[in-house]
């Protein structure tokens, strides 16, 4: 990708074999939805919407770390049993193996960007400790 002044040359980005982009893949979940914005061998980026009063499973990953940046709303985060809060423009780093959960305790949707880095980004690298929706412990 070349920055020629103010515009990016996306043809070079498209022709780079090490990068895969996704138009926008949207997956609905009981807690809200996520959209895959970028899926490449070394990074995956999602836009996650958590509906009011909902929360993701308390989980960890063996093969990836994550950084969450809030786009709108107030996100409650459980990280290694500590309760944290992040608002618009604020971030939290989740290390590989850290137990974590995103939670919307408000009455409006919360949106955050999740950047995953590591060696594998499949949904089967979700090891659930606790899940409000009774899904199995392996990401399914």
C-alpha atoms as a PDB file:
ATOM      1  CA  UNK A   1       0.000   0.000   0.000  1.00  0.00           C
ATOM      2  CA  UNK A   2       1.461   3.322  -1.036  1.00  0.00           C
ATOM      3  CA  UNK A   3       0.409   6.687   0.313  1.00  0.00           C
ATOM      4  CA  UNK A   4       0.636   9.052  -2.634  1.00  0.00           C
ATOM      5  CA  UNK A   5      -0.179  12.324  -0.935  1.00  0.00           C
ATOM      6  CA  UNK A   6      -3.595  12.060   0.680  1.00  0.00           C
ATOM      7  CA  UNK A   7      -4.947   8.931  -1.039  1.00  0.00           C
ATOM      8  CA  UNK A   8      -3.976   5.316  -0.542  1.00  0.00           C
ATOM      9  CA  UNK A   9      -3.230   3.010  -3.460  1.00  0.00           C
ATOM     10  CA  UNK A  10      -5.612   0.171  -2.662  1.00  0.00           C
ATOM     11  CA  UNK A  11      -4.764  -1.728  -5.845  1.00  0.00           C
ATOM     12  CA  UNK A  12      -1.344  -2.489  -4.361  1.00  0.00           C
ATOM     13  CA  UNK A  13      -3.044  -3.516  -1.116  1.00  0.00           C
ATOM     14  CA  UNK A  14      -5.408  -5.784  -3.041  1.00  0.00           C
ATOM     15  CA  UNK A  15      -2.529  -7.389  -4.959  1.00  0.00           C
ATOM     16  CA  UNK A  16      -0.520  -8.097  -1.786  1.00  0.00           C
ATOM     17  CA  UNK A  17      -1.018 -11.851  -1.327  1.00  0.00           C
ATOM     18  CA  UNK A  18      -0.406 -11.721   2.448  1.00  0.00           C
ATOM     19  CA  UNK A  19      -3.524  -9.638   3.114  1.00  0.00           C
ATOM     20  CA  UNK A  20      -7.127 -10.778   2.904  1.00  0.00           C
ATOM     21  CA  UNK A  21      -9.918  -8.301   3.315  1.00  0.00           C
ATOM     22  CA  UNK A  22     -13.535  -9.115   3.956  1.00  0.00           C
ATOM     23  CA  UNK A  23     -16.285  -6.954   2.454  1.00  0.00           C
ATOM     24  CA  UNK A  24     -18.024  -6.958   5.790  1.00  0.00           C
ATOM     25  CA  UNK A  25     -19.039 -10.292   7.231  1.00  0.00           C
ATOM     26  CA  UNK A  26     -21.715  -9.854   9.902  1.00  0.00           C
ATOM     27  CA  UNK A  27     -22.462 -12.539  12.499  1.00  0.00           C
ATOM     28  CA  UNK A  28     -25.422 -12.258  14.867  1.00  0.00           C
ATOM     29  CA  UNK A  29     -25.001 -13.535  18.420  1.00  0.00           C
ATOM     30  CA  UNK A  30     -27.396 -13.655  21.410  1.00  0.00           C
ATOM     31  CA  UNK A  31     -25.599 -10.622  22.913  1.00  0.00           C
ATOM     32  CA  UNK A  32     -25.513  -8.524  19.703  1.00  0.00           C
ATOM     33  CA  UNK A  33     -23.369  -8.852  16.581  1.00  0.00           C
ATOM     34  CA  UNK A  34     -19.871  -8.573  15.181  1.00  0.00           C
ATOM     35  CA  UNK A  35     -18.598  -7.487  11.786  1.00  0.00           C
ATOM     36  CA  UNK A  36     -15.255  -8.706  10.446  1.00  0.00           C
ATOM     37  CA  UNK A  37     -13.525  -5.669   8.950  1.00  0.00           C
ATOM     38  CA  UNK A  38     -10.155  -7.284   8.203  1.00  0.00           C
ATOM     39  CA  UNK A  39      -8.974 -10.887   8.202  1.00  0.00           C
ATOM     40  CA  UNK A  40      -5.274 -11.370   7.458  1.00  0.00           C
ATOM     41  CA  UNK A  41      -2.708 -14.006   8.488  1.00  0.00           C
ATOM     42  CA  UNK A  42      -1.316 -11.839  11.302  1.00  0.00           C
ATOM     43  CA  UNK A  43      -4.346  -9.754  12.387  1.00  0.00           C
ATOM     44  CA  UNK A  44      -8.132  -9.848  12.540  1.00  0.00           C
ATOM     45  CA  UNK A  45     -10.270  -6.754  13.159  1.00  0.00           C
ATOM     46  CA  UNK A  46     -13.900  -6.825  14.285  1.00  0.00           C
ATOM     47  CA  UNK A  47     -16.516  -4.162  15.013  1.00  0.00           C
ATOM     48  CA  UNK A  48     -18.538  -5.533  17.932  1.00  0.00           C
ATOM     49  CA  UNK A  49     -21.962  -4.286  19.050  1.00  0.00           C
ATOM     50  CA  UNK A  50     -23.188  -5.377  22.494  1.00  0.00           C
ATOM     51  CA  UNK A  51     -26.903  -4.852  23.044  1.00  0.00           C
ATOM     52  CA  UNK A  52     -28.206  -3.173  26.229  1.00  0.00           C
ATOM     53  CA  UNK A  53     -28.024  -5.454  29.271  1.00  0.00           C
ATOM     54  CA  UNK A  54     -26.109  -8.174  27.411  1.00  0.00           C
ATOM     55  CA  UNK A  55     -22.624  -9.613  27.860  1.00  0.00           C
ATOM     56  CA  UNK A  56     -20.266 -11.932  26.062  1.00  0.00           C
ATOM     57  CA  UNK A  57     -19.039 -15.129  27.675  1.00  0.00           C
ATOM     58  CA  UNK A  58     -16.272 -15.010  30.284  1.00  0.00           C
ATOM     59  CA  UNK A  59     -13.500 -16.539  28.191  1.00  0.00           C
ATOM     60  CA  UNK A  60      -9.853 -16.723  27.238  1.00  0.00           C
ATOM     61  CA  UNK A  61      -7.800 -17.506  24.135  1.00  0.00           C
ATOM     62  CA  UNK A  62      -4.732 -19.717  23.802  1.00  0.00           C
ATOM     63  CA  UNK A  63      -3.483 -18.357  20.472  1.00  0.00           C
ATOM     64  CA  UNK A  64      -4.258 -14.649  20.402  1.00  0.00           C
ATOM     65  CA  UNK A  65      -4.227 -11.357  22.280  1.00  0.00           C
ATOM     66  CA  UNK A  66      -6.756  -8.554  21.795  1.00  0.00           C
ATOM     67  CA  UNK A  67      -7.021  -4.788  22.081  1.00  0.00           C
ATOM     68  CA  UNK A  68     -10.512  -3.302  22.450  1.00  0.00           C
ATOM     69  CA  UNK A  69     -11.196   0.363  21.661  1.00  0.00           C
ATOM     70  CA  UNK A  70     -14.636   1.754  22.444  1.00  0.00           C
ATOM     71  CA  UNK A  71     -16.331   3.641  19.604  1.00  0.00           C
ATOM     72  CA  UNK A  72     -19.585   4.513  21.385  1.00  0.00           C
ATOM     73  CA  UNK A  73     -21.172   3.928  24.763  1.00  0.00           C
ATOM     74  CA  UNK A  74     -19.707   2.791  28.078  1.00  0.00           C
ATOM     75  CA  UNK A  75     -18.244  -0.718  28.075  1.00  0.00           C
ATOM     76  CA  UNK A  76     -17.883  -2.752  31.248  1.00  0.00           C
ATOM     77  CA  UNK A  77     -14.978  -5.197  31.074  1.00  0.00           C
ATOM     78  CA  UNK A  78     -14.219  -8.099  33.368  1.00  0.00           C
ATOM     79  CA  UNK A  79     -10.479  -8.783  33.051  1.00  0.00           C
ATOM     80  CA  UNK A  80      -8.971 -11.442  35.290  1.00  0.00           C
ATOM     81  CA  UNK A  81     -11.867 -10.903  37.763  1.00  0.00           C
ATOM     82  CA  UNK A  82     -11.318  -7.105  37.900  1.00  0.00           C
ATOM     83  CA  UNK A  83     -14.159  -4.838  36.746  1.00  0.00           C
ATOM     84  CA  UNK A  84     -13.061  -2.003  34.429  1.00  0.00           C
ATOM     85  CA  UNK A  85     -14.928   0.673  32.491  1.00  0.00           C
ATOM     86  CA  UNK A  86     -14.007   2.204  29.129  1.00  0.00           C
ATOM     87  CA  UNK A  87     -15.783   4.998  27.229  1.00  0.00           C
ATOM     88  CA  UNK A  88     -15.489   6.406  23.721  1.00  0.00           C
ATOM     89  CA  UNK A  89     -11.864   6.519  22.561  1.00  0.00           C
ATOM     90  CA  UNK A  90     -10.542   4.436  25.474  1.00  0.00           C
ATOM     91  CA  UNK A  91      -8.864   1.040  25.113  1.00  0.00           C
ATOM     92  CA  UNK A  92      -7.978  -2.073  27.042  1.00  0.00           C
ATOM     93  CA  UNK A  93      -5.286  -4.663  26.229  1.00  0.00           C
ATOM     94  CA  UNK A  94      -6.113  -8.329  26.774  1.00  0.00           C
ATOM     95  CA  UNK A  95      -3.071 -10.598  26.804  1.00  0.00           C
ATOM     96  CA  UNK A  96      -3.079 -14.134  25.457  1.00  0.00           C
ATOM     97  CA  UNK A  97      -4.561 -16.358  28.170  1.00  0.00           C
ATOM     98  CA  UNK A  98      -6.230 -13.503  30.107  1.00  0.00           C
ATOM     99  CA  UNK A  99      -9.797 -14.267  31.210  1.00  0.00           C
ATOM    100  CA  UNK A 100     -12.109 -11.536  29.954  1.00  0.00           C
ATOM    101  CA  UNK A 101     -15.684 -10.493  29.212  1.00  0.00           C
ATOM    102  CA  UNK A 102     -17.344  -7.518  27.487  1.00  0.00           C
ATOM    103  CA  UNK A 103     -20.552  -6.337  29.146  1.00  0.00           C
ATOM    104  CA  UNK A 104     -23.068  -3.617  28.372  1.00  0.00           C
ATOM    105  CA  UNK A 105     -24.665  -2.508  31.632  1.00  0.00           C
ATOM    106  CA  UNK A 106     -26.343   0.504  29.973  1.00  0.00           C
ATOM    107  CA  UNK A 107     -29.604   1.031  28.093  1.00  0.00           C
ATOM    108  CA  UNK A 108     -27.968   1.897  24.736  1.00  0.00           C
ATOM    109  CA  UNK A 109     -25.819  -0.278  22.440  1.00  0.00           C
ATOM    110  CA  UNK A 110     -22.059  -0.283  23.032  1.00  0.00           C
ATOM    111  CA  UNK A 111     -19.731  -0.529  20.038  1.00  0.00           C
ATOM    112  CA  UNK A 112     -16.031  -1.343  20.185  1.00  0.00           C
ATOM    113  CA  UNK A 113     -13.276  -2.335  17.763  1.00  0.00           C
ATOM    114  CA  UNK A 114     -11.417  -5.539  18.556  1.00  0.00           C
ATOM    115  CA  UNK A 115      -7.929  -6.035  17.089  1.00  0.00           C
ATOM    116  CA  UNK A 116      -6.688  -9.611  17.411  1.00  0.00           C
ATOM    117  CA  UNK A 117      -2.998 -10.499  17.037  1.00  0.00           C
ATOM    118  CA  UNK A 118      -1.398 -13.898  17.381  1.00  0.00           C
ATOM    119  CA  UNK A 119      -1.086 -17.148  15.475  1.00  0.00           C
ATOM    120  CA  UNK A 120      -4.736 -18.195  15.029  1.00  0.00           C
ATOM    121  CA  UNK A 121      -8.049 -16.308  14.977  1.00  0.00           C
ATOM    122  CA  UNK A 122     -10.716 -19.000  14.654  1.00  0.00           C
ATOM    123  CA  UNK A 123     -13.853 -18.967  16.794  1.00  0.00           C
ATOM    124  CA  UNK A 124     -12.760 -22.348  18.203  1.00  0.00           C
ATOM    125  CA  UNK A 125      -9.998 -20.523  20.135  1.00  0.00           C
ATOM    126  CA  UNK A 126     -12.682 -19.263  22.516  1.00  0.00           C
ATOM    127  CA  UNK A 127     -12.486 -21.218  25.764  1.00  0.00           C
ATOM    128  CA  UNK A 128     -15.614 -20.305  27.709  1.00  0.00           C
ATOM    129  CA  UNK A 129     -15.515 -20.268  31.499  1.00  0.00           C
ATOM    130  CA  UNK A 130     -19.046 -18.918  31.918  1.00  0.00           C
ATOM    131  CA  UNK A 131     -21.768 -18.214  29.360  1.00  0.00           C
ATOM    132  CA  UNK A 132     -25.223 -16.685  29.911  1.00  0.00           C
ATOM    133  CA  UNK A 133     -26.522 -18.378  26.761  1.00  0.00           C
ATOM    134  CA  UNK A 134     -25.451 -21.954  27.647  1.00  0.00           C
ATOM    135  CA  UNK A 135     -23.152 -22.374  24.637  1.00  0.00           C
ATOM    136  CA  UNK A 136     -20.480 -25.046  24.890  1.00  0.00           C
ATOM    137  CA  UNK A 137     -17.026 -24.183  26.196  1.00  0.00           C
ATOM    138  CA  UNK A 138     -15.144 -24.426  22.892  1.00  0.00           C
ATOM    139  CA  UNK A 139     -16.468 -21.466  20.902  1.00  0.00           C
ATOM    140  CA  UNK A 140     -19.450 -23.181  19.276  1.00  0.00           C
END
